Amino acid sequence: MYFKIVKSKGFEYLKLVETYWENGKAHQRVVANLGRLDVLKQSGQLQRLRKRLDALSGESIPSIRDLQERNRFCYGDIVYRKLWKAYQFDELLSGMIRGKKVQFDFLQTVYLLIIDRLLEPGSKLSTFHHQDRYIHLEEISLHHLYRSLDILAEGKETIERHIFERHRNLFNLKI
């Protein structure tokens, strides 16, 4: 059984409806017409009905005010992942750390820094604290975020040149 709101002649009516099966087809049957919704709300009967249902079920039925938002995941980085591949950042960044003793996932760390800057700009500390909102990323330590900035600063001109060349080639630009 469930409650159904039906509109008729400019008013909303609350009905208690049950679903039953007959000859392999689902049908609905009105168990009770509870009345006009606005009248039920004003008189307090709707609240009394809710309290009575709570008492009968032994559980509290949450209202809208009782609900809390759960953690949201950010899926916007999926679009940026395609751009990341189109601009061949994996090859560029792998070349930048070749010969260096980097003991963390530099590519994932830089990717996190970039997508967080694009989707939710903030400090590096904020990026560290909110990295769990992105799916498909492993946890990255704050030290690794700061360490990757040193490596990126060393290769600034190389990165800029690479982006310029890839952009020019992807969009057939003539300079």
C-alpha atoms as a PDB file:
ATOM      1  CA  MET A   1       0.000   0.000   0.000  1.00  0.00           C
ATOM      2  CA  TYR A   2       1.043   3.546  -0.603  1.00  0.00           C
ATOM      3  CA  PHE A   3      -0.301   7.076  -0.517  1.00  0.00           C
ATOM      4  CA  LYS A   4      -1.293   8.682  -3.795  1.00  0.00           C
ATOM      5  CA  ILE A   5      -2.067  12.326  -4.483  1.00  0.00           C
ATOM      6  CA  VAL A   6      -4.794  12.798  -7.091  1.00  0.00           C
ATOM      7  CA  LYS A   7      -5.679  16.168  -8.644  1.00  0.00           C
ATOM      8  CA  SER A   8      -9.326  16.873  -9.332  1.00  0.00           C
ATOM      9  CA  LYS A   9     -11.187  20.147  -9.920  1.00  0.00           C
ATOM     10  CA  GLY A  10      -8.201  22.246  -8.845  1.00  0.00           C
ATOM     11  CA  PHE A  11      -7.647  20.409  -5.552  1.00  0.00           C
ATOM     12  CA  GLU A  12      -5.268  17.666  -4.455  1.00  0.00           C
ATOM     13  CA  TYR A  13      -6.731  14.635  -2.670  1.00  0.00           C
ATOM     14  CA  LEU A  14      -4.848  12.060  -0.628  1.00  0.00           C
ATOM     15  CA  LYS A  15      -5.761   8.398  -1.140  1.00  0.00           C
ATOM     16  CA  LEU A  16      -4.477   5.149   0.315  1.00  0.00           C
ATOM     17  CA  VAL A  17      -3.987   2.749  -2.601  1.00  0.00           C
ATOM     18  CA  GLU A  18      -2.950  -0.881  -2.855  1.00  0.00           C
ATOM     19  CA  THR A  19      -1.614  -2.772  -5.838  1.00  0.00           C
ATOM     20  CA  TYR A  20      -2.768  -6.298  -6.618  1.00  0.00           C
ATOM     21  CA  TRP A  21      -2.165  -8.738  -9.453  1.00  0.00           C
ATOM     22  CA  GLU A  22      -4.904 -10.297 -11.554  1.00  0.00           C
ATOM     23  CA  ASN A  23      -4.292 -12.464 -14.623  1.00  0.00           C
ATOM     24  CA  GLY A  24      -0.641 -11.425 -14.679  1.00  0.00           C
ATOM     25  CA  LYS A  25      -1.425  -7.691 -14.714  1.00  0.00           C
ATOM     26  CA  ALA A  26      -0.987  -5.138 -11.947  1.00  0.00           C
ATOM     27  CA  HIS A  27      -4.100  -3.250 -10.847  1.00  0.00           C
ATOM     28  CA  GLN A  28      -4.676  -0.551  -8.251  1.00  0.00           C
ATOM     29  CA  ARG A  29      -7.507  -0.344  -5.762  1.00  0.00           C
ATOM     30  CA  VAL A  30      -8.347   2.634  -3.531  1.00  0.00           C
ATOM     31  CA  VAL A  31      -8.475   1.434   0.069  1.00  0.00           C
ATOM     32  CA  ALA A  32      -9.398   4.803   1.584  1.00  0.00           C
ATOM     33  CA  ASN A  33     -10.064   8.358   0.467  1.00  0.00           C
ATOM     34  CA  LEU A  34      -8.408  10.472   3.142  1.00  0.00           C
ATOM     35  CA  GLY A  35      -9.616  13.874   1.934  1.00  0.00           C
ATOM     36  CA  ARG A  36      -8.288  17.119   0.519  1.00  0.00           C
ATOM     37  CA  LEU A  37      -4.559  17.473   1.110  1.00  0.00           C
ATOM     38  CA  ASP A  38      -4.647  21.175   2.062  1.00  0.00           C
ATOM     39  CA  VAL A  39      -7.381  20.533   4.663  1.00  0.00           C
ATOM     40  CA  LEU A  40      -5.477  17.569   6.105  1.00  0.00           C
ATOM     41  CA  LYS A  41      -2.349  19.715   6.458  1.00  0.00           C
ATOM     42  CA  GLN A  42      -4.143  22.669   8.057  1.00  0.00           C
ATOM     43  CA  SER A  43      -6.071  20.561  10.546  1.00  0.00           C
ATOM     44  CA  GLY A  44      -2.996  18.614  11.660  1.00  0.00           C
ATOM     45  CA  GLN A  45      -4.548  15.286  10.683  1.00  0.00           C
ATOM     46  CA  LEU A  46      -1.633  14.520   8.375  1.00  0.00           C
ATOM     47  CA  GLN A  47       0.822  14.841  11.284  1.00  0.00           C
ATOM     48  CA  ARG A  48      -1.386  12.680  13.511  1.00  0.00           C
ATOM     49  CA  LEU A  49      -1.572  10.046  10.768  1.00  0.00           C
ATOM     50  CA  ARG A  50       2.221  10.067  10.476  1.00  0.00           C
ATOM     51  CA  LYS A  51       2.656   9.688  14.244  1.00  0.00           C
ATOM     52  CA  ARG A  52       0.151   6.823  14.317  1.00  0.00           C
ATOM     53  CA  LEU A  53       1.969   5.046  11.459  1.00  0.00           C
ATOM     54  CA  ASP A  54       5.247   5.540  13.359  1.00  0.00           C
ATOM     55  CA  ALA A  55       3.722   3.979  16.462  1.00  0.00           C
ATOM     56  CA  LEU A  56       2.272   1.019  14.553  1.00  0.00           C
ATOM     57  CA  SER A  57       5.462   0.272  12.641  1.00  0.00           C
ATOM     58  CA  GLY A  58       7.766   0.798  15.582  1.00  0.00           C
ATOM     59  CA  GLU A  59      10.019   2.860  13.341  1.00  0.00           C
ATOM     60  CA  SER A  60      10.242   6.521  12.665  1.00  0.00           C
ATOM     61  CA  ILE A  61       9.429   7.529   9.097  1.00  0.00           C
ATOM     62  CA  PRO A  62      11.835  10.320   8.186  1.00  0.00           C
ATOM     63  CA  SER A  63      10.485  13.605   6.956  1.00  0.00           C
ATOM     64  CA  ILE A  64      12.266  15.866   4.497  1.00  0.00           C
ATOM     65  CA  ARG A  65      13.715  17.848   7.415  1.00  0.00           C
ATOM     66  CA  ASP A  66      15.220  14.653   8.876  1.00  0.00           C
ATOM     67  CA  LEU A  67      17.133  13.723   5.740  1.00  0.00           C
ATOM     68  CA  GLN A  68      20.787  14.632   5.358  1.00  0.00           C
ATOM     69  CA  GLU A  69      22.840  14.715   2.230  1.00  0.00           C
ATOM     70  CA  ARG A  70      25.378  11.953   1.862  1.00  0.00           C
ATOM     71  CA  ASN A  71      28.765  12.427   0.279  1.00  0.00           C
ATOM     72  CA  ARG A  72      28.607  13.418  -3.351  1.00  0.00           C
ATOM     73  CA  PHE A  73      31.057  12.183  -5.899  1.00  0.00           C
ATOM     74  CA  CYS A  74      32.302  14.415  -8.661  1.00  0.00           C
ATOM     75  CA  TYR A  75      32.121  12.846 -12.120  1.00  0.00           C
ATOM     76  CA  GLY A  76      33.250  15.971 -13.991  1.00  0.00           C
ATOM     77  CA  ASP A  77      36.800  14.703 -14.130  1.00  0.00           C
ATOM     78  CA  ILE A  78      35.768  12.051 -16.669  1.00  0.00           C
ATOM     79  CA  VAL A  79      35.572  14.751 -19.349  1.00  0.00           C
ATOM     80  CA  TYR A  80      38.954  16.116 -18.317  1.00  0.00           C
ATOM     81  CA  ARG A  81      40.431  12.599 -18.473  1.00  0.00           C
ATOM     82  CA  LYS A  82      39.695  12.572 -22.230  1.00  0.00           C
ATOM     83  CA  LEU A  83      41.420  15.933 -22.663  1.00  0.00           C
ATOM     84  CA  TRP A  84      44.332  14.645 -20.561  1.00  0.00           C
ATOM     85  CA  LYS A  85      44.759  11.781 -23.025  1.00  0.00           C
ATOM     86  CA  ALA A  86      44.267  13.983 -26.100  1.00  0.00           C
ATOM     87  CA  TYR A  87      47.025  16.314 -24.914  1.00  0.00           C
ATOM     88  CA  GLN A  88      49.233  13.298 -24.082  1.00  0.00           C
ATOM     89  CA  PHE A  89      50.073  14.502 -20.572  1.00  0.00           C
ATOM     90  CA  ASP A  90      51.060  10.995 -19.446  1.00  0.00           C
ATOM     91  CA  GLU A  91      53.949  10.946 -21.917  1.00  0.00           C
ATOM     92  CA  LEU A  92      54.999  14.502 -21.092  1.00  0.00           C
ATOM     93  CA  LEU A  93      54.984  14.051 -17.323  1.00  0.00           C
ATOM     94  CA  SER A  94      56.627  10.633 -17.497  1.00  0.00           C
ATOM     95  CA  GLY A  95      59.447  12.221 -19.480  1.00  0.00           C
ATOM     96  CA  MET A  96      59.822  14.967 -16.860  1.00  0.00           C
ATOM     97  CA  ILE A  97      60.445  12.494 -14.036  1.00  0.00           C
ATOM     98  CA  ARG A  98      62.637  10.098 -16.034  1.00  0.00           C
ATOM     99  CA  GLY A  99      65.941   9.786 -14.221  1.00  0.00           C
ATOM    100  CA  LYS A 100      64.564  11.270 -10.989  1.00  0.00           C
ATOM    101  CA  LYS A 101      63.876   9.326  -7.825  1.00  0.00           C
ATOM    102  CA  VAL A 102      60.162   9.974  -7.574  1.00  0.00           C
ATOM    103  CA  GLN A 103      58.645   7.476  -5.149  1.00  0.00           C
ATOM    104  CA  PHE A 104      54.975   8.352  -5.564  1.00  0.00           C
ATOM    105  CA  ASP A 105      52.430   8.348  -8.387  1.00  0.00           C
ATOM    106  CA  PHE A 106      53.367  11.655  -9.962  1.00  0.00           C
ATOM    107  CA  LEU A 107      50.842  11.386 -12.820  1.00  0.00           C
ATOM    108  CA  GLN A 108      47.885  10.804 -10.470  1.00  0.00           C
ATOM    109  CA  THR A 109      49.034  13.607  -8.194  1.00  0.00           C
ATOM    110  CA  VAL A 110      49.272  16.134 -11.023  1.00  0.00           C
ATOM    111  CA  TYR A 111      45.939  14.947 -12.407  1.00  0.00           C
ATOM    112  CA  LEU A 112      44.311  15.536  -9.006  1.00  0.00           C
ATOM    113  CA  LEU A 113      45.836  19.017  -8.802  1.00  0.00           C
ATOM    114  CA  ILE A 114      44.553  19.911 -12.263  1.00  0.00           C
ATOM    115  CA  ILE A 115      41.007  18.602 -11.983  1.00  0.00           C
ATOM    116  CA  ASP A 116      40.560  20.079  -8.540  1.00  0.00           C
ATOM    117  CA  ARG A 117      41.733  23.458  -9.840  1.00  0.00           C
ATOM    118  CA  LEU A 118      39.277  23.199 -12.748  1.00  0.00           C
ATOM    119  CA  LEU A 119      36.253  21.830 -10.876  1.00  0.00           C
ATOM    120  CA  GLU A 120      36.621  23.184  -7.336  1.00  0.00           C
ATOM    121  CA  PRO A 121      39.389  25.786  -7.072  1.00  0.00           C
ATOM    122  CA  GLY A 122      41.017  26.016  -3.679  1.00  0.00           C
ATOM    123  CA  SER A 123      44.277  25.599  -1.865  1.00  0.00           C
ATOM    124  CA  LYS A 124      46.472  22.505  -2.009  1.00  0.00           C
ATOM    125  CA  LEU A 125      45.385  21.716   1.536  1.00  0.00           C
ATOM    126  CA  SER A 126      41.752  21.904   0.412  1.00  0.00           C
ATOM    127  CA  THR A 127      42.586  19.586  -2.493  1.00  0.00           C
ATOM    128  CA  PHE A 128      44.114  17.129  -0.040  1.00  0.00           C
ATOM    129  CA  HIS A 129      41.083  17.192   2.286  1.00  0.00           C
ATOM    130  CA  HIS A 130      38.506  16.819  -0.496  1.00  0.00           C
ATOM    131  CA  GLN A 131      40.228  14.346  -2.803  1.00  0.00           C
ATOM    132  CA  ASP A 132      37.764  11.609  -1.843  1.00  0.00           C
ATOM    133  CA  ARG A 133      35.026  13.279  -3.906  1.00  0.00           C
ATOM    134  CA  TYR A 134      36.671  12.125  -7.145  1.00  0.00           C
ATOM    135  CA  ILE A 135      36.144   8.540  -8.196  1.00  0.00           C
ATOM    136  CA  HIS A 136      38.883   6.316  -9.602  1.00  0.00           C
ATOM    137  CA  LEU A 137      41.664   8.168  -7.754  1.00  0.00           C
ATOM    138  CA  GLU A 138      43.801   6.661  -5.058  1.00  0.00           C
ATOM    139  CA  GLU A 139      44.538   8.655  -1.909  1.00  0.00           C
ATOM    140  CA  ILE A 140      47.472  11.027  -2.281  1.00  0.00           C
ATOM    141  CA  SER A 141      49.410  12.446   0.652  1.00  0.00           C
ATOM    142  CA  LEU A 142      49.772  16.174   1.224  1.00  0.00           C
ATOM    143  CA  HIS A 143      53.560  15.879   1.025  1.00  0.00           C
ATOM    144  CA  HIS A 144      53.269  14.385  -2.472  1.00  0.00           C
ATOM    145  CA  LEU A 145      51.022  17.244  -3.600  1.00  0.00           C
ATOM    146  CA  TYR A 146      53.633  19.790  -2.547  1.00  0.00           C
ATOM    147  CA  ARG A 147      56.536  17.707  -3.892  1.00  0.00           C
ATOM    148  CA  SER A 148      54.891  17.504  -7.326  1.00  0.00           C
ATOM    149  CA  LEU A 149      54.742  21.320  -7.466  1.00  0.00           C
ATOM    150  CA  ASP A 150      58.547  21.453  -7.315  1.00  0.00           C
ATOM    151  CA  ILE A 151      58.831  19.092 -10.281  1.00  0.00           C
ATOM    152  CA  LEU A 152      56.194  21.015 -12.256  1.00  0.00           C
ATOM    153  CA  ALA A 153      57.976  24.321 -11.597  1.00  0.00           C
ATOM    154  CA  GLU A 154      61.217  22.879 -13.011  1.00  0.00           C
ATOM    155  CA  GLY A 155      59.488  21.859 -16.252  1.00  0.00           C
ATOM    156  CA  LYS A 156      57.253  24.905 -16.674  1.00  0.00           C
ATOM    157  CA  GLU A 157      58.569  25.898 -20.134  1.00  0.00           C
ATOM    158  CA  THR A 158      58.459  22.300 -21.375  1.00  0.00           C
ATOM    159  CA  ILE A 159      54.832  21.961 -20.271  1.00  0.00           C
ATOM    160  CA  GLU A 160      53.821  25.269 -21.873  1.00  0.00           C
ATOM    161  CA  ARG A 161      55.539  24.364 -25.152  1.00  0.00           C
ATOM    162  CA  HIS A 162      53.913  20.909 -25.146  1.00  0.00           C
ATOM    163  CA  ILE A 163      50.436  22.335 -24.552  1.00  0.00           C
ATOM    164  CA  PHE A 164      50.946  24.940 -27.282  1.00  0.00           C
ATOM    165  CA  GLU A 165      52.083  22.328 -29.822  1.00  0.00           C
ATOM    166  CA  ARG A 166      49.334  19.839 -28.966  1.00  0.00           C
ATOM    167  CA  HIS A 167      46.681  22.567 -29.104  1.00  0.00           C
ATOM    168  CA  ARG A 168      47.955  23.751 -32.460  1.00  0.00           C
ATOM    169  CA  ASN A 169      47.986  20.189 -33.855  1.00  0.00           C
ATOM    170  CA  LEU A 170      44.602  19.157 -32.409  1.00  0.00           C
ATOM    171  CA  PHE A 171      42.802  22.177 -33.801  1.00  0.00           C
ATOM    172  CA  ASN A 172      44.847  22.625 -37.041  1.00  0.00           C
ATOM    173  CA  LEU A 173      45.840  26.150 -36.111  1.00  0.00           C
ATOM    174  CA  LYS A 174      48.217  28.142 -38.301  1.00  0.00           C
ATOM    175  CA  ILE A 175      50.504  30.537 -36.511  1.00  0.00           C
END
